Every structure is written in structure tokens, then in C-alpha cells.
Amino acid sequence: MEIVPVEEITIDAIPLATKPPMIVDVEIISEGKISSYHIIRADGNSKRYTTLTPLLQDINREDLENLWKIVKGKYRDASLEESYKRVLWGDLKVVFEPDMQNEVWKHLENYDVTAWIMYSSCGVHLVKCENLHIFFLVDKTYPLTHAIITKMLDRKLQADHQNEMCYQLLKLMLKQLQKK
């Protein structure tokens, strides 16, 4: 056995998982009739998404909150002609700053829920209706009626794997259901 002083030991460690660089910008790219969100990270890498759904599969909660800050600052005053900018801003506004007086909440129970999906990586769940997709933070209470919560629970939550977040969401929905 040989004793080696600590100063002479070097370890070349390769991390098993690395956190992707922070989102620093978002651009709306229009090519003909197709528009997409161009998400740009601090290291210069970027990726395009045509809807919010695949984006939610690729980001975490910190990325989502950062994206909201960027979009809110950049597209809050987007005109109606810039509809794709308004869609991204509107979807994220419902997630982070829902307007309880908005007509969507009042008429939501008139829609049939076609799917209820959990995106665990970013803490968001999606309620798909016939012509409407609404995104929600898992840890936030929204003005959902008894009827829509029942429809969501009947449809069953779809998740990539069972985890504590799924359990907490179901618990929150049942709690809201019992209050009404």
C-alpha cells in the first residue's frame, strides 16, 4: 500500500446530468403560413416549437418562469395583427396571471374535456377541450367550476410517470371539488 498526499490527487469527473443553459430570448418566426416559437438559450443553442405543448415537455419550471418574464416584457403590447405573438403571450398569461373575470372561465364548463395531461418537468397540466387548450400550474388554484373539475377527473390525468406532483394535483382538484 502506498500513501499519496491529497494535493497530488486529481479527478477528472464527468457529470452524469448537466442543466441546460438558461433561456435568454424568444422570437416568433413566420415562414409562409407556419409560425413557430424560437427559444434561444444562453449558450447560443436554440430550438423551434410550433405549439406550447412540445415546449413544455422540454423545459423545467425555472425555464418556464424565465420564458414568461421574457414574453411578458417583449410581447405584452403586441398588436392583433401579430397573432402568434398574442397566442404565446396569452397562453402564458393564463398560466401565471389568470384574469378571473375573463369569459373563458365562465364558459369553460360548456366544453367537453378531451384530455387532461401532466407535464411534470415544468409543473404544468393541460386541459384539452374541443377547440380550447388551457395550461395550468400544478401548485396554483384557478377558478374551475364543479362541472369542469368533474369532467377532468372523469377523463383521468395522463402523466409520463406517477410522481408526487400528480398526487398533489389530484388532491388539489378533489379539495376544490369538495369546497363547491
N, C-alpha and C. Protein backbone atom coordinates (compact mmCIF):
# COMPACT_ATOMS: atom_id res chain seq x y z
N MET A 1 0.84 -1.17 0.00
CA MET A 1 0.00 0.00 0.00
C MET A 1 0.89 1.24 0.00
N GLU A 2 0.50 2.25 -0.76
CA GLU A 2 1.26 3.49 -0.83
C GLU A 2 0.36 4.64 -0.42
N ILE A 3 0.83 5.50 0.42
CA ILE A 3 0.07 6.68 0.86
C ILE A 3 0.42 7.83 -0.06
N VAL A 4 -0.59 8.45 -0.64
CA VAL A 4 -0.40 9.56 -1.57
C VAL A 4 -0.97 10.82 -0.93
N PRO A 5 -0.17 11.89 -0.85
CA PRO A 5 -0.71 13.14 -0.30
C PRO A 5 -1.89 13.65 -1.12
N VAL A 6 -2.86 14.28 -0.45
CA VAL A 6 -4.11 14.72 -1.07
C VAL A 6 -3.87 15.69 -2.22
N GLU A 7 -2.87 16.56 -2.12
CA GLU A 7 -2.64 17.56 -3.16
C GLU A 7 -2.32 16.93 -4.52
N GLU A 8 -1.81 15.72 -4.53
CA GLU A 8 -1.39 15.10 -5.77
C GLU A 8 -2.50 14.32 -6.48
N ILE A 9 -3.67 14.27 -5.88
CA ILE A 9 -4.78 13.52 -6.48
C ILE A 9 -5.60 14.45 -7.36
N THR A 10 -5.80 14.07 -8.60
CA THR A 10 -6.69 14.81 -9.49
C THR A 10 -7.76 13.87 -9.98
N ILE A 11 -8.94 14.39 -10.07
CA ILE A 11 -10.07 13.59 -10.53
C ILE A 11 -10.69 14.29 -11.73
N ASP A 12 -10.78 13.58 -12.81
CA ASP A 12 -11.47 14.10 -13.99
C ASP A 12 -12.90 13.57 -13.94
N ALA A 13 -13.79 14.38 -13.40
CA ALA A 13 -15.19 13.96 -13.25
C ALA A 13 -16.02 14.45 -14.42
N ILE A 14 -16.86 13.60 -14.89
CA ILE A 14 -17.81 13.96 -15.94
C ILE A 14 -19.20 13.89 -15.31
N PRO A 15 -19.91 15.01 -15.25
CA PRO A 15 -21.23 14.98 -14.62
C PRO A 15 -22.19 14.07 -15.39
N LEU A 16 -23.02 13.35 -14.65
CA LEU A 16 -23.99 12.47 -15.28
C LEU A 16 -25.11 13.26 -15.94
N ALA A 17 -25.46 14.38 -15.33
CA ALA A 17 -26.51 15.22 -15.90
C ALA A 17 -26.09 16.67 -15.75
N THR A 18 -26.31 17.44 -16.78
CA THR A 18 -26.00 18.85 -16.70
C THR A 18 -27.24 19.65 -17.01
N LYS A 19 -27.37 20.75 -16.33
CA LYS A 19 -28.52 21.62 -16.52
C LYS A 19 -28.31 22.43 -17.79
N PRO A 20 -29.29 22.49 -18.68
CA PRO A 20 -29.12 23.29 -19.89
C PRO A 20 -29.04 24.77 -19.54
N PRO A 21 -28.32 25.54 -20.33
CA PRO A 21 -28.23 26.98 -20.06
C PRO A 21 -29.61 27.64 -20.07
N MET A 22 -29.69 28.74 -19.38
CA MET A 22 -30.93 29.48 -19.21
C MET A 22 -31.48 30.02 -20.54
N ILE A 23 -32.80 30.10 -20.64
CA ILE A 23 -33.45 30.72 -21.80
C ILE A 23 -33.22 32.22 -21.71
N VAL A 24 -32.70 32.81 -22.79
CA VAL A 24 -32.41 34.24 -22.78
C VAL A 24 -33.26 35.04 -23.76
N ASP A 25 -33.90 34.36 -24.70
CA ASP A 25 -34.72 35.10 -25.66
C ASP A 25 -35.71 34.16 -26.34
N VAL A 26 -36.73 34.74 -26.88
CA VAL A 26 -37.71 34.01 -27.69
C VAL A 26 -38.06 34.89 -28.88
N GLU A 27 -38.13 34.29 -30.04
CA GLU A 27 -38.51 35.00 -31.25
C GLU A 27 -39.64 34.24 -31.92
N ILE A 28 -40.51 34.97 -32.56
CA ILE A 28 -41.57 34.35 -33.36
C ILE A 28 -41.09 34.37 -34.80
N ILE A 29 -40.98 33.20 -35.38
CA ILE A 29 -40.51 33.07 -36.76
C ILE A 29 -41.70 32.66 -37.62
N SER A 30 -41.95 33.44 -38.68
CA SER A 30 -43.04 33.12 -39.62
C SER A 30 -42.44 32.74 -40.95
N GLU A 31 -42.81 31.56 -41.42
CA GLU A 31 -42.37 31.08 -42.73
C GLU A 31 -43.62 30.67 -43.49
N GLY A 32 -44.08 31.57 -44.32
CA GLY A 32 -45.33 31.32 -45.04
C GLY A 32 -46.49 31.35 -44.06
N LYS A 33 -47.28 30.30 -44.05
CA LYS A 33 -48.43 30.22 -43.15
C LYS A 33 -48.08 29.59 -41.81
N ILE A 34 -46.84 29.14 -41.65
CA ILE A 34 -46.43 28.45 -40.43
C ILE A 34 -45.59 29.39 -39.57
N SER A 35 -45.98 29.51 -38.31
CA SER A 35 -45.22 30.30 -37.34
C SER A 35 -44.72 29.37 -36.26
N SER A 36 -43.59 29.75 -35.65
CA SER A 36 -43.05 28.93 -34.57
C SER A 36 -42.37 29.81 -33.54
N TYR A 37 -42.23 29.25 -32.32
CA TYR A 37 -41.50 29.91 -31.25
C TYR A 37 -40.05 29.45 -31.36
N HIS A 38 -39.14 30.39 -31.39
CA HIS A 38 -37.71 30.10 -31.49
C HIS A 38 -37.13 30.42 -30.11
N ILE A 39 -36.85 29.39 -29.32
CA ILE A 39 -36.34 29.54 -27.96
C ILE A 39 -34.81 29.55 -28.01
N ILE A 40 -34.21 30.60 -27.48
CA ILE A 40 -32.76 30.76 -27.54
C ILE A 40 -32.19 30.69 -26.12
N ARG A 41 -31.18 29.85 -25.95
CA ARG A 41 -30.53 29.68 -24.65
C ARG A 41 -29.23 30.47 -24.58
N ALA A 42 -28.71 30.64 -23.37
CA ALA A 42 -27.52 31.45 -23.13
C ALA A 42 -26.29 30.97 -23.90
N ASP A 43 -26.21 29.69 -24.18
CA ASP A 43 -25.05 29.18 -24.91
C ASP A 43 -25.19 29.31 -26.43
N GLY A 44 -26.27 29.95 -26.88
CA GLY A 44 -26.48 30.16 -28.31
C GLY A 44 -27.31 29.07 -28.97
N ASN A 45 -27.52 27.94 -28.29
CA ASN A 45 -28.36 26.89 -28.85
C ASN A 45 -29.81 27.36 -28.89
N SER A 46 -30.54 26.87 -29.86
CA SER A 46 -31.95 27.25 -29.97
C SER A 46 -32.77 26.07 -30.49
N LYS A 47 -34.05 26.18 -30.28
CA LYS A 47 -34.96 25.14 -30.76
C LYS A 47 -36.28 25.80 -31.10
N ARG A 48 -36.93 25.28 -32.14
CA ARG A 48 -38.22 25.82 -32.57
C ARG A 48 -39.36 24.92 -32.13
N TYR A 49 -40.48 25.56 -31.79
CA TYR A 49 -41.70 24.86 -31.40
C TYR A 49 -42.87 25.52 -32.10
N THR A 50 -43.79 24.72 -32.61
CA THR A 50 -44.96 25.29 -33.25
C THR A 50 -46.11 25.50 -32.27
N THR A 51 -46.07 24.78 -31.15
CA THR A 51 -47.09 24.97 -30.10
C THR A 51 -46.42 24.92 -28.73
N LEU A 52 -47.15 25.30 -27.72
CA LEU A 52 -46.62 25.30 -26.36
C LEU A 52 -46.46 23.88 -25.81
N THR A 53 -47.26 22.94 -26.28
CA THR A 53 -47.24 21.58 -25.74
C THR A 53 -45.86 20.91 -25.84
N PRO A 54 -45.20 20.82 -26.99
CA PRO A 54 -43.88 20.18 -27.01
C PRO A 54 -42.83 20.98 -26.25
N LEU A 55 -43.00 22.29 -26.18
CA LEU A 55 -42.08 23.11 -25.41
C LEU A 55 -42.12 22.72 -23.94
N LEU A 56 -43.32 22.48 -23.41
CA LEU A 56 -43.47 22.11 -22.00
C LEU A 56 -42.81 20.77 -21.69
N GLN A 57 -42.68 19.91 -22.68
CA GLN A 57 -42.03 18.62 -22.48
C GLN A 57 -40.51 18.77 -22.37
N ASP A 58 -39.97 19.88 -22.88
CA ASP A 58 -38.52 20.07 -22.93
C ASP A 58 -37.96 21.01 -21.86
N ILE A 59 -38.82 21.70 -21.12
CA ILE A 59 -38.30 22.69 -20.18
C ILE A 59 -38.67 22.35 -18.74
N ASN A 60 -37.99 23.00 -17.81
CA ASN A 60 -38.32 22.84 -16.39
C ASN A 60 -39.05 24.09 -15.91
N ARG A 61 -39.41 24.10 -14.63
CA ARG A 61 -40.18 25.22 -14.07
C ARG A 61 -39.40 26.54 -14.13
N GLU A 62 -38.13 26.48 -13.84
CA GLU A 62 -37.30 27.68 -13.90
C GLU A 62 -37.29 28.26 -15.32
N ASP A 63 -37.15 27.39 -16.32
CA ASP A 63 -37.20 27.83 -17.72
C ASP A 63 -38.55 28.47 -18.04
N LEU A 64 -39.62 27.85 -17.56
CA LEU A 64 -40.97 28.36 -17.84
C LEU A 64 -41.15 29.76 -17.24
N GLU A 65 -40.72 29.93 -16.01
CA GLU A 65 -40.85 31.25 -15.36
C GLU A 65 -39.99 32.29 -16.07
N ASN A 66 -38.81 31.90 -16.49
CA ASN A 66 -37.94 32.81 -17.23
C ASN A 66 -38.55 33.16 -18.58
N LEU A 67 -39.10 32.18 -19.26
CA LEU A 67 -39.76 32.41 -20.55
C LEU A 67 -40.91 33.39 -20.38
N TRP A 68 -41.69 33.26 -19.31
CA TRP A 68 -42.81 34.16 -19.05
C TRP A 68 -42.31 35.60 -18.89
N LYS A 69 -41.23 35.79 -18.15
CA LYS A 69 -40.69 37.14 -17.96
C LYS A 69 -40.27 37.74 -19.30
N ILE A 70 -39.63 36.95 -20.14
CA ILE A 70 -39.19 37.43 -21.45
C ILE A 70 -40.39 37.77 -22.33
N VAL A 71 -41.35 36.86 -22.40
CA VAL A 71 -42.52 37.06 -23.26
C VAL A 71 -43.35 38.24 -22.77
N LYS A 72 -43.54 38.34 -21.47
CA LYS A 72 -44.32 39.44 -20.91
C LYS A 72 -43.68 40.78 -21.25
N GLY A 73 -42.38 40.87 -21.12
CA GLY A 73 -41.69 42.11 -21.45
C GLY A 73 -41.67 42.43 -22.93
N LYS A 74 -41.59 41.39 -23.74
CA LYS A 74 -41.42 41.57 -25.18
C LYS A 74 -42.73 41.70 -25.96
N TYR A 75 -43.75 40.92 -25.59
CA TYR A 75 -44.95 40.85 -26.42
C TYR A 75 -46.23 41.35 -25.74
N ARG A 76 -46.13 41.93 -24.57
CA ARG A 76 -47.32 42.42 -23.88
C ARG A 76 -48.15 43.35 -24.75
N ASP A 77 -47.48 44.21 -25.50
CA ASP A 77 -48.18 45.20 -26.32
C ASP A 77 -48.28 44.80 -27.78
N ALA A 78 -48.15 43.51 -28.07
CA ALA A 78 -48.24 43.05 -29.47
C ALA A 78 -49.62 43.37 -30.03
N SER A 79 -49.64 43.85 -31.25
CA SER A 79 -50.92 44.20 -31.87
C SER A 79 -51.66 42.94 -32.30
N LEU A 80 -52.93 43.10 -32.62
CA LEU A 80 -53.75 41.95 -33.02
C LEU A 80 -53.25 41.31 -34.31
N GLU A 81 -52.56 42.10 -35.17
CA GLU A 81 -52.03 41.52 -36.41
C GLU A 81 -50.93 40.51 -36.12
N GLU A 82 -50.27 40.67 -35.00
CA GLU A 82 -49.18 39.77 -34.62
C GLU A 82 -49.76 38.62 -33.81
N SER A 83 -50.68 37.89 -34.41
CA SER A 83 -51.49 36.93 -33.67
C SER A 83 -50.67 35.82 -32.98
N TYR A 84 -49.61 35.33 -33.59
CA TYR A 84 -48.85 34.25 -32.96
C TYR A 84 -48.15 34.73 -31.70
N LYS A 85 -47.70 35.99 -31.72
CA LYS A 85 -47.13 36.59 -30.52
C LYS A 85 -48.19 36.68 -29.43
N ARG A 86 -49.40 37.05 -29.82
CA ARG A 86 -50.50 37.16 -28.87
C ARG A 86 -50.88 35.80 -28.30
N VAL A 87 -50.81 34.76 -29.11
CA VAL A 87 -51.15 33.41 -28.63
C VAL A 87 -50.16 32.97 -27.56
N LEU A 88 -48.87 33.12 -27.80
CA LEU A 88 -47.87 32.75 -26.81
C LEU A 88 -48.03 33.57 -25.54
N TRP A 89 -48.18 34.88 -25.69
CA TRP A 89 -48.36 35.76 -24.53
C TRP A 89 -49.64 35.38 -23.79
N GLY A 90 -50.72 35.14 -24.52
CA GLY A 90 -52.00 34.80 -23.89
C GLY A 90 -51.95 33.47 -23.15
N ASP A 91 -51.35 32.45 -23.75
CA ASP A 91 -51.24 31.14 -23.09
C ASP A 91 -50.47 31.25 -21.78
N LEU A 92 -49.34 31.96 -21.82
CA LEU A 92 -48.52 32.09 -20.61
C LEU A 92 -49.19 33.00 -19.58
N LYS A 93 -49.95 34.00 -20.04
CA LYS A 93 -50.66 34.88 -19.10
C LYS A 93 -51.71 34.09 -18.32
N VAL A 94 -52.43 33.20 -18.97
CA VAL A 94 -53.42 32.36 -18.27
C VAL A 94 -52.72 31.50 -17.22
N VAL A 95 -51.53 31.00 -17.53
CA VAL A 95 -50.78 30.16 -16.60
C VAL A 95 -50.37 30.97 -15.36
N PHE A 96 -49.80 32.15 -15.58
CA PHE A 96 -49.19 32.90 -14.48
C PHE A 96 -50.07 33.99 -13.87
N GLU A 97 -50.91 34.63 -14.68
CA GLU A 97 -51.73 35.74 -14.19
C GLU A 97 -53.14 35.63 -14.74
N PRO A 98 -53.88 34.58 -14.37
CA PRO A 98 -55.22 34.42 -14.94
C PRO A 98 -56.16 35.55 -14.50
N ASP A 99 -56.92 36.07 -15.45
CA ASP A 99 -57.92 37.09 -15.17
C ASP A 99 -59.23 36.38 -14.84
N MET A 100 -59.60 36.41 -13.58
CA MET A 100 -60.77 35.65 -13.12
C MET A 100 -62.07 36.16 -13.74
N GLN A 101 -62.05 37.37 -14.30
CA GLN A 101 -63.25 37.92 -14.93
C GLN A 101 -63.35 37.55 -16.41
N ASN A 102 -62.34 36.89 -16.93
CA ASN A 102 -62.32 36.51 -18.34
C ASN A 102 -63.46 35.55 -18.66
N GLU A 103 -64.04 35.72 -19.82
CA GLU A 103 -65.17 34.89 -20.26
C GLU A 103 -64.83 33.41 -20.37
N VAL A 104 -63.55 33.10 -20.60
CA VAL A 104 -63.13 31.70 -20.73
C VAL A 104 -63.53 30.92 -19.48
N TRP A 105 -63.29 31.49 -18.30
CA TRP A 105 -63.58 30.79 -17.05
C TRP A 105 -65.07 30.60 -16.86
N LYS A 106 -65.87 31.57 -17.31
CA LYS A 106 -67.33 31.50 -17.12
C LYS A 106 -67.97 30.44 -18.02
N HIS A 107 -67.38 30.20 -19.19
CA HIS A 107 -67.97 29.29 -20.17
C HIS A 107 -67.22 27.97 -20.29
N LEU A 108 -66.20 27.77 -19.48
CA LEU A 108 -65.38 26.58 -19.57
C LEU A 108 -66.18 25.30 -19.36
N GLU A 109 -67.16 25.35 -18.47
CA GLU A 109 -67.93 24.13 -18.19
C GLU A 109 -68.79 23.69 -19.37
N ASN A 110 -68.97 24.57 -20.36
CA ASN A 110 -69.74 24.20 -21.56
C ASN A 110 -68.92 23.34 -22.52
N TYR A 111 -67.63 23.25 -22.29
CA TYR A 111 -66.75 22.45 -23.14
C TYR A 111 -66.63 21.04 -22.59
N ASP A 112 -66.43 20.09 -23.50
CA ASP A 112 -66.14 18.71 -23.10
C ASP A 112 -64.63 18.55 -23.00
N VAL A 113 -64.16 17.98 -21.91
CA VAL A 113 -62.74 17.73 -21.73
C VAL A 113 -62.37 16.49 -22.54
N THR A 114 -61.40 16.64 -23.45
CA THR A 114 -60.98 15.51 -24.27
C THR A 114 -59.71 14.86 -23.72
N ALA A 115 -58.91 15.63 -22.97
CA ALA A 115 -57.69 15.08 -22.36
C ALA A 115 -57.25 15.97 -21.21
N TRP A 116 -56.59 15.34 -20.24
CA TRP A 116 -56.01 16.06 -19.10
C TRP A 116 -54.60 15.52 -18.94
N ILE A 117 -53.60 16.36 -19.18
CA ILE A 117 -52.22 15.89 -19.30
C ILE A 117 -51.31 16.65 -18.33
N MET A 118 -50.39 15.91 -17.70
CA MET A 118 -49.42 16.49 -16.77
C MET A 118 -48.04 16.57 -17.43
N TYR A 119 -47.39 17.73 -17.29
CA TYR A 119 -46.01 17.92 -17.72
C TYR A 119 -45.19 18.11 -16.44
N SER A 120 -44.70 17.03 -15.88
CA SER A 120 -44.04 17.04 -14.58
C SER A 120 -42.77 17.89 -14.55
N SER A 121 -42.04 17.92 -15.64
CA SER A 121 -40.75 18.63 -15.63
C SER A 121 -40.90 20.11 -15.33
N CYS A 122 -42.03 20.70 -15.73
CA CYS A 122 -42.22 22.14 -15.50
C CYS A 122 -43.39 22.45 -14.57
N GLY A 123 -44.06 21.42 -14.07
CA GLY A 123 -45.14 21.64 -13.11
C GLY A 123 -46.38 22.26 -13.72
N VAL A 124 -46.72 21.83 -14.93
CA VAL A 124 -47.89 22.35 -15.64
C VAL A 124 -48.79 21.19 -16.03
N HIS A 125 -50.10 21.43 -15.96
CA HIS A 125 -51.04 20.45 -16.52
C HIS A 125 -51.91 21.15 -17.55
N LEU A 126 -52.35 20.39 -18.51
CA LEU A 126 -53.11 20.89 -19.64
C LEU A 126 -54.48 20.25 -19.65
N VAL A 127 -55.50 21.07 -19.84
CA VAL A 127 -56.85 20.57 -20.05
C VAL A 127 -57.19 20.86 -21.51
N LYS A 128 -57.37 19.79 -22.28
CA LYS A 128 -57.74 19.92 -23.69
C LYS A 128 -59.25 19.79 -23.81
N CYS A 129 -59.85 20.73 -24.48
CA CYS A 129 -61.26 20.67 -24.81
C CYS A 129 -61.36 20.66 -26.33
N GLU A 130 -62.58 20.65 -26.83
CA GLU A 130 -62.78 20.53 -28.28
C GLU A 130 -61.95 21.56 -29.06
N ASN A 131 -62.12 22.84 -28.80
CA ASN A 131 -61.41 23.89 -29.53
C ASN A 131 -60.62 24.78 -28.60
N LEU A 132 -60.21 24.24 -27.47
CA LEU A 132 -59.58 25.06 -26.45
C LEU A 132 -58.56 24.24 -25.67
N HIS A 133 -57.38 24.80 -25.48
CA HIS A 133 -56.35 24.19 -24.64
C HIS A 133 -56.00 25.21 -23.56
N ILE A 134 -56.09 24.79 -22.29
CA ILE A 134 -55.75 25.69 -21.20
C ILE A 134 -54.66 25.04 -20.36
N PHE A 135 -53.60 25.81 -20.11
CA PHE A 135 -52.47 25.34 -19.33
C PHE A 135 -52.57 25.92 -17.92
N PHE A 136 -52.24 25.09 -16.92
CA PHE A 136 -52.33 25.49 -15.52
C PHE A 136 -51.05 25.09 -14.78
N LEU A 137 -50.64 25.90 -13.80
CA LEU A 137 -49.58 25.49 -12.90
C LEU A 137 -50.17 24.50 -11.91
N VAL A 138 -49.41 23.49 -11.57
CA VAL A 138 -49.89 22.44 -10.66
C VAL A 138 -50.17 23.00 -9.27
N ASP A 139 -49.35 23.93 -8.83
CA ASP A 139 -49.46 24.41 -7.46
C ASP A 139 -50.28 25.70 -7.31
N LYS A 140 -51.12 26.00 -8.27
CA LYS A 140 -51.93 27.21 -8.23
C LYS A 140 -53.41 26.86 -8.38
N THR A 141 -54.24 27.58 -7.66
CA THR A 141 -55.69 27.35 -7.75
C THR A 141 -56.27 28.29 -8.81
N TYR A 142 -57.12 27.75 -9.66
CA TYR A 142 -57.76 28.51 -10.74
C TYR A 142 -59.28 28.45 -10.54
N PRO A 143 -60.03 29.35 -11.17
CA PRO A 143 -61.48 29.39 -10.98
C PRO A 143 -62.21 28.30 -11.79
N LEU A 144 -62.01 27.07 -11.41
CA LEU A 144 -62.65 25.96 -12.10
C LEU A 144 -63.97 25.62 -11.41
N THR A 145 -64.97 25.38 -12.22
CA THR A 145 -66.28 25.03 -11.66
C THR A 145 -66.33 23.56 -11.29
N HIS A 146 -67.34 23.21 -10.53
CA HIS A 146 -67.58 21.83 -10.13
C HIS A 146 -67.69 20.94 -11.37
N ALA A 147 -68.40 21.44 -12.37
CA ALA A 147 -68.63 20.66 -13.60
C ALA A 147 -67.32 20.36 -14.34
N ILE A 148 -66.46 21.36 -14.48
CA ILE A 148 -65.23 21.13 -15.25
C ILE A 148 -64.25 20.25 -14.47
N ILE A 149 -64.21 20.40 -13.14
CA ILE A 149 -63.34 19.54 -12.33
C ILE A 149 -63.81 18.09 -12.43
N THR A 150 -65.10 17.89 -12.40
CA THR A 150 -65.65 16.54 -12.54
C THR A 150 -65.29 15.95 -13.90
N LYS A 151 -65.39 16.76 -14.96
CA LYS A 151 -65.02 16.30 -16.29
C LYS A 151 -63.54 15.94 -16.36
N MET A 152 -62.70 16.75 -15.70
CA MET A 152 -61.27 16.46 -15.68
C MET A 152 -60.99 15.14 -14.97
N LEU A 153 -61.60 14.96 -13.80
CA LEU A 153 -61.39 13.74 -13.03
C LEU A 153 -61.94 12.51 -13.76
N ASP A 154 -63.05 12.68 -14.47
CA ASP A 154 -63.60 11.58 -15.26
C ASP A 154 -62.67 11.19 -16.42
N ARG A 155 -62.00 12.18 -16.98
CA ARG A 155 -61.12 11.93 -18.13
C ARG A 155 -59.83 11.23 -17.66
N LYS A 156 -59.44 11.40 -16.43
CA LYS A 156 -58.23 10.83 -15.82
C LYS A 156 -56.99 11.58 -16.28
N LEU A 157 -56.12 11.80 -15.35
CA LEU A 157 -54.87 12.52 -15.59
C LEU A 157 -53.87 11.62 -16.31
N GLN A 158 -53.32 12.11 -17.41
CA GLN A 158 -52.29 11.39 -18.15
C GLN A 158 -50.93 11.98 -17.77
N ALA A 159 -50.00 11.15 -17.37
CA ALA A 159 -48.68 11.61 -17.00
C ALA A 159 -47.64 10.62 -17.51
N ASP A 160 -46.42 11.11 -17.71
CA ASP A 160 -45.36 10.23 -18.21
C ASP A 160 -44.94 9.21 -17.16
N HIS A 161 -45.12 9.54 -15.89
CA HIS A 161 -44.87 8.60 -14.81
C HIS A 161 -45.57 9.10 -13.54
N GLN A 162 -45.89 8.20 -12.67
CA GLN A 162 -46.54 8.56 -11.42
C GLN A 162 -45.52 9.21 -10.51
N ASN A 163 -45.88 10.34 -9.93
CA ASN A 163 -44.97 11.03 -9.03
C ASN A 163 -45.76 11.83 -8.01
N GLU A 164 -45.08 12.45 -7.10
CA GLU A 164 -45.71 13.22 -6.03
C GLU A 164 -46.52 14.39 -6.60
N MET A 165 -46.05 14.98 -7.69
CA MET A 165 -46.75 16.11 -8.29
C MET A 165 -48.13 15.70 -8.78
N CYS A 166 -48.25 14.52 -9.37
CA CYS A 166 -49.55 14.01 -9.83
C CYS A 166 -50.49 13.85 -8.64
N TYR A 167 -49.97 13.26 -7.60
CA TYR A 167 -50.76 13.04 -6.39
C TYR A 167 -51.24 14.38 -5.82
N GLN A 168 -50.36 15.37 -5.74
CA GLN A 168 -50.71 16.68 -5.19
C GLN A 168 -51.77 17.37 -6.06
N LEU A 169 -51.66 17.24 -7.38
CA LEU A 169 -52.64 17.84 -8.27
C LEU A 169 -54.01 17.21 -8.08
N LEU A 170 -54.06 15.89 -8.02
CA LEU A 170 -55.34 15.21 -7.81
C LEU A 170 -55.94 15.61 -6.47
N LYS A 171 -55.11 15.72 -5.46
CA LYS A 171 -55.56 16.14 -4.14
C LYS A 171 -56.15 17.56 -4.18
N LEU A 172 -55.47 18.46 -4.90
CA LEU A 172 -55.95 19.84 -5.05
C LEU A 172 -57.30 19.88 -5.76
N MET A 173 -57.45 19.08 -6.83
CA MET A 173 -58.72 19.06 -7.57
C MET A 173 -59.86 18.52 -6.69
N LEU A 174 -59.59 17.47 -5.93
CA LEU A 174 -60.62 16.91 -5.04
C LEU A 174 -60.98 17.91 -3.94
N LYS A 175 -60.01 18.64 -3.44
CA LYS A 175 -60.26 19.66 -2.43
C LYS A 175 -61.14 20.76 -2.98
N GLN A 176 -60.83 21.23 -4.21
CA GLN A 176 -61.65 22.26 -4.86
C GLN A 176 -63.07 21.74 -5.10
N LEU A 177 -63.17 20.48 -5.47
CA LEU A 177 -64.47 19.88 -5.74
C LEU A 177 -65.32 19.83 -4.46
N GLN A 178 -64.72 19.53 -3.34
CA GLN A 178 -65.43 19.44 -2.07
C GLN A 178 -65.86 20.80 -1.55
N LYS A 179 -65.13 21.86 -1.91
CA LYS A 179 -65.47 23.22 -1.46
C LYS A 179 -66.76 23.72 -2.10
N LYS A 180 -67.05 23.28 -3.30
CA LYS A 180 -68.16 23.85 -4.07
C LYS A 180 -69.48 23.20 -3.74
